[in-house]
Amino acid sequence: MLVELEDIDIDAVSLSGTTPLMSCVDSGHMTLVAEGLNNNLNPFLQDALGRTAIDIAQQYSGEHGDDMRGLLSAAMEQWMS
């Protein structure tokens, strides 16, 4: 996996201002979001519009949205502790 390579910025920002975590969230891939968070992707980074990954997750409704936001919220709490 890419995060296992040395000298790789796993939180690199794209030309559009998004991070890999934001892209995973935007695509709705819960497994990739969880894997990224387990590998220390930063959930606090903001895109060019000032949105974080949890802001992007607001587009999802129902159980999937709740699970996605719960996963991101837990990661944010862990980062702050």
C-alpha atoms as a PDB file:
ATOM      1  CA  MET A   1       0.000   0.000   0.000  1.00  0.00           C
ATOM      2  CA  LEU A   2       1.171   3.529  -0.756  1.00  0.00           C
ATOM      3  CA  VAL A   3       1.179   4.650   2.882  1.00  0.00           C
ATOM      4  CA  GLU A   4       3.859   2.072   3.630  1.00  0.00           C
ATOM      5  CA  LEU A   5       6.386   3.790   1.364  1.00  0.00           C
ATOM      6  CA  GLU A   6       8.886   6.190   2.879  1.00  0.00           C
ATOM      7  CA  ASP A   7       8.967   9.869   1.950  1.00  0.00           C
ATOM      8  CA  ILE A   8       5.389   9.922   0.693  1.00  0.00           C
ATOM      9  CA  ASP A   9       3.090  12.722   1.859  1.00  0.00           C
ATOM     10  CA  ILE A  10      -0.091  10.778   2.549  1.00  0.00           C
ATOM     11  CA  ASP A  11      -1.967  14.052   3.064  1.00  0.00           C
ATOM     12  CA  ALA A  12      -0.810  15.604  -0.217  1.00  0.00           C
ATOM     13  CA  VAL A  13      -3.255  18.163  -1.559  1.00  0.00           C
ATOM     14  CA  SER A  14      -4.407  17.924  -5.176  1.00  0.00           C
ATOM     15  CA  LEU A  15      -4.615  20.856  -7.571  1.00  0.00           C
ATOM     16  CA  SER A  16      -8.285  21.194  -6.603  1.00  0.00           C
ATOM     17  CA  GLY A  17      -7.322  21.389  -2.929  1.00  0.00           C
ATOM     18  CA  THR A  18      -8.558  17.979  -1.837  1.00  0.00           C
ATOM     19  CA  THR A  19      -6.732  15.308   0.132  1.00  0.00           C
ATOM     20  CA  PRO A  20      -6.796  11.540  -0.400  1.00  0.00           C
ATOM     21  CA  LEU A  21      -9.130  11.212   2.603  1.00  0.00           C
ATOM     22  CA  MET A  22     -11.556  13.738   1.104  1.00  0.00           C
ATOM     23  CA  SER A  23     -11.533  11.829  -2.178  1.00  0.00           C
ATOM     24  CA  CYS A  24     -12.335   8.567  -0.394  1.00  0.00           C
ATOM     25  CA  VAL A  25     -15.162  10.214   1.526  1.00  0.00           C
ATOM     26  CA  ASP A  26     -16.523  11.897  -1.602  1.00  0.00           C
ATOM     27  CA  SER A  27     -16.566   8.522  -3.366  1.00  0.00           C
ATOM     28  CA  GLY A  28     -18.418   6.917  -0.454  1.00  0.00           C
ATOM     29  CA  HIS A  29     -15.807   4.203   0.095  1.00  0.00           C
ATOM     30  CA  MET A  30     -16.163   3.457   3.800  1.00  0.00           C
ATOM     31  CA  THR A  31     -13.440   0.779   3.729  1.00  0.00           C
ATOM     32  CA  LEU A  32     -10.920   3.162   2.156  1.00  0.00           C
ATOM     33  CA  VAL A  33     -11.870   5.909   4.614  1.00  0.00           C
ATOM     34  CA  ALA A  34     -11.324   3.538   7.550  1.00  0.00           C
ATOM     35  CA  GLU A  35      -8.018   2.302   6.114  1.00  0.00           C
ATOM     36  CA  GLY A  36      -6.841   5.868   5.535  1.00  0.00           C
ATOM     37  CA  LEU A  37      -7.746   6.933   9.043  1.00  0.00           C
ATOM     38  CA  ASN A  38      -5.994   3.848  10.438  1.00  0.00           C
ATOM     39  CA  ASN A  39      -2.901   5.035   8.566  1.00  0.00           C
ATOM     40  CA  ASN A  40      -3.112   8.520  10.076  1.00  0.00           C
ATOM     41  CA  LEU A  41      -4.637  10.554   7.255  1.00  0.00           C
ATOM     42  CA  ASN A  42      -5.426  13.936   8.762  1.00  0.00           C
ATOM     43  CA  PRO A  43      -9.206  14.490   9.105  1.00  0.00           C
ATOM     44  CA  PHE A  44      -8.742  18.190   9.940  1.00  0.00           C
ATOM     45  CA  LEU A  45      -7.267  19.358   6.639  1.00  0.00           C
ATOM     46  CA  GLN A  46      -9.425  21.736   4.606  1.00  0.00           C
ATOM     47  CA  ASP A  47      -9.962  22.053   0.874  1.00  0.00           C
ATOM     48  CA  ALA A  48      -9.977  25.325  -1.061  1.00  0.00           C
ATOM     49  CA  LEU A  49     -13.566  25.933   0.113  1.00  0.00           C
ATOM     50  CA  GLY A  50     -12.668  25.399   3.770  1.00  0.00           C
ATOM     51  CA  ARG A  51     -14.388  21.988   3.971  1.00  0.00           C
ATOM     52  CA  THR A  52     -12.987  19.049   5.929  1.00  0.00           C
ATOM     53  CA  ALA A  53     -13.658  15.377   5.186  1.00  0.00           C
ATOM     54  CA  ILE A  54     -16.558  15.361   7.647  1.00  0.00           C
ATOM     55  CA  ASP A  55     -18.103  18.339   5.834  1.00  0.00           C
ATOM     56  CA  ILE A  56     -17.904  16.398   2.578  1.00  0.00           C
ATOM     57  CA  ALA A  57     -19.537  13.408   4.309  1.00  0.00           C
ATOM     58  CA  GLN A  58     -22.637  15.530   4.951  1.00  0.00           C
ATOM     59  CA  GLN A  59     -23.779  14.706   1.395  1.00  0.00           C
ATOM     60  CA  TYR A  60     -24.630  11.155   2.468  1.00  0.00           C
ATOM     61  CA  SER A  61     -27.915  10.418   4.197  1.00  0.00           C
ATOM     62  CA  GLY A  62     -29.216   7.439   6.087  1.00  0.00           C
ATOM     63  CA  GLU A  63     -27.179   4.771   7.787  1.00  0.00           C
ATOM     64  CA  HIS A  64     -24.234   5.063   5.374  1.00  0.00           C
ATOM     65  CA  GLY A  65     -23.917   8.778   6.091  1.00  0.00           C
ATOM     66  CA  ASP A  66     -24.228   8.248   9.822  1.00  0.00           C
ATOM     67  CA  ASP A  67     -21.541   5.547   9.729  1.00  0.00           C
ATOM     68  CA  MET A  68     -19.208   7.713   7.630  1.00  0.00           C
ATOM     69  CA  ARG A  69     -19.600  10.732   9.904  1.00  0.00           C
ATOM     70  CA  GLY A  70     -19.233   8.550  13.003  1.00  0.00           C
ATOM     71  CA  LEU A  71     -15.994   7.108  11.697  1.00  0.00           C
ATOM     72  CA  LEU A  72     -14.620  10.569  10.920  1.00  0.00           C
ATOM     73  CA  SER A  73     -15.803  12.021  14.250  1.00  0.00           C
ATOM     74  CA  ALA A  74     -14.110   9.226  16.176  1.00  0.00           C
ATOM     75  CA  ALA A  75     -10.871   9.804  14.245  1.00  0.00           C
ATOM     76  CA  MET A  76     -11.040  13.538  14.968  1.00  0.00           C
ATOM     77  CA  GLU A  77     -11.500  12.868  18.677  1.00  0.00           C
ATOM     78  CA  GLN A  78      -8.557  10.485  18.649  1.00  0.00           C
ATOM     79  CA  TRP A  79      -6.363  13.111  16.928  1.00  0.00           C
ATOM     80  CA  MET A  80      -7.226  15.632  19.638  1.00  0.00           C
ATOM     81  CA  SER A  81      -6.359  13.303  22.536  1.00  0.00           C
END
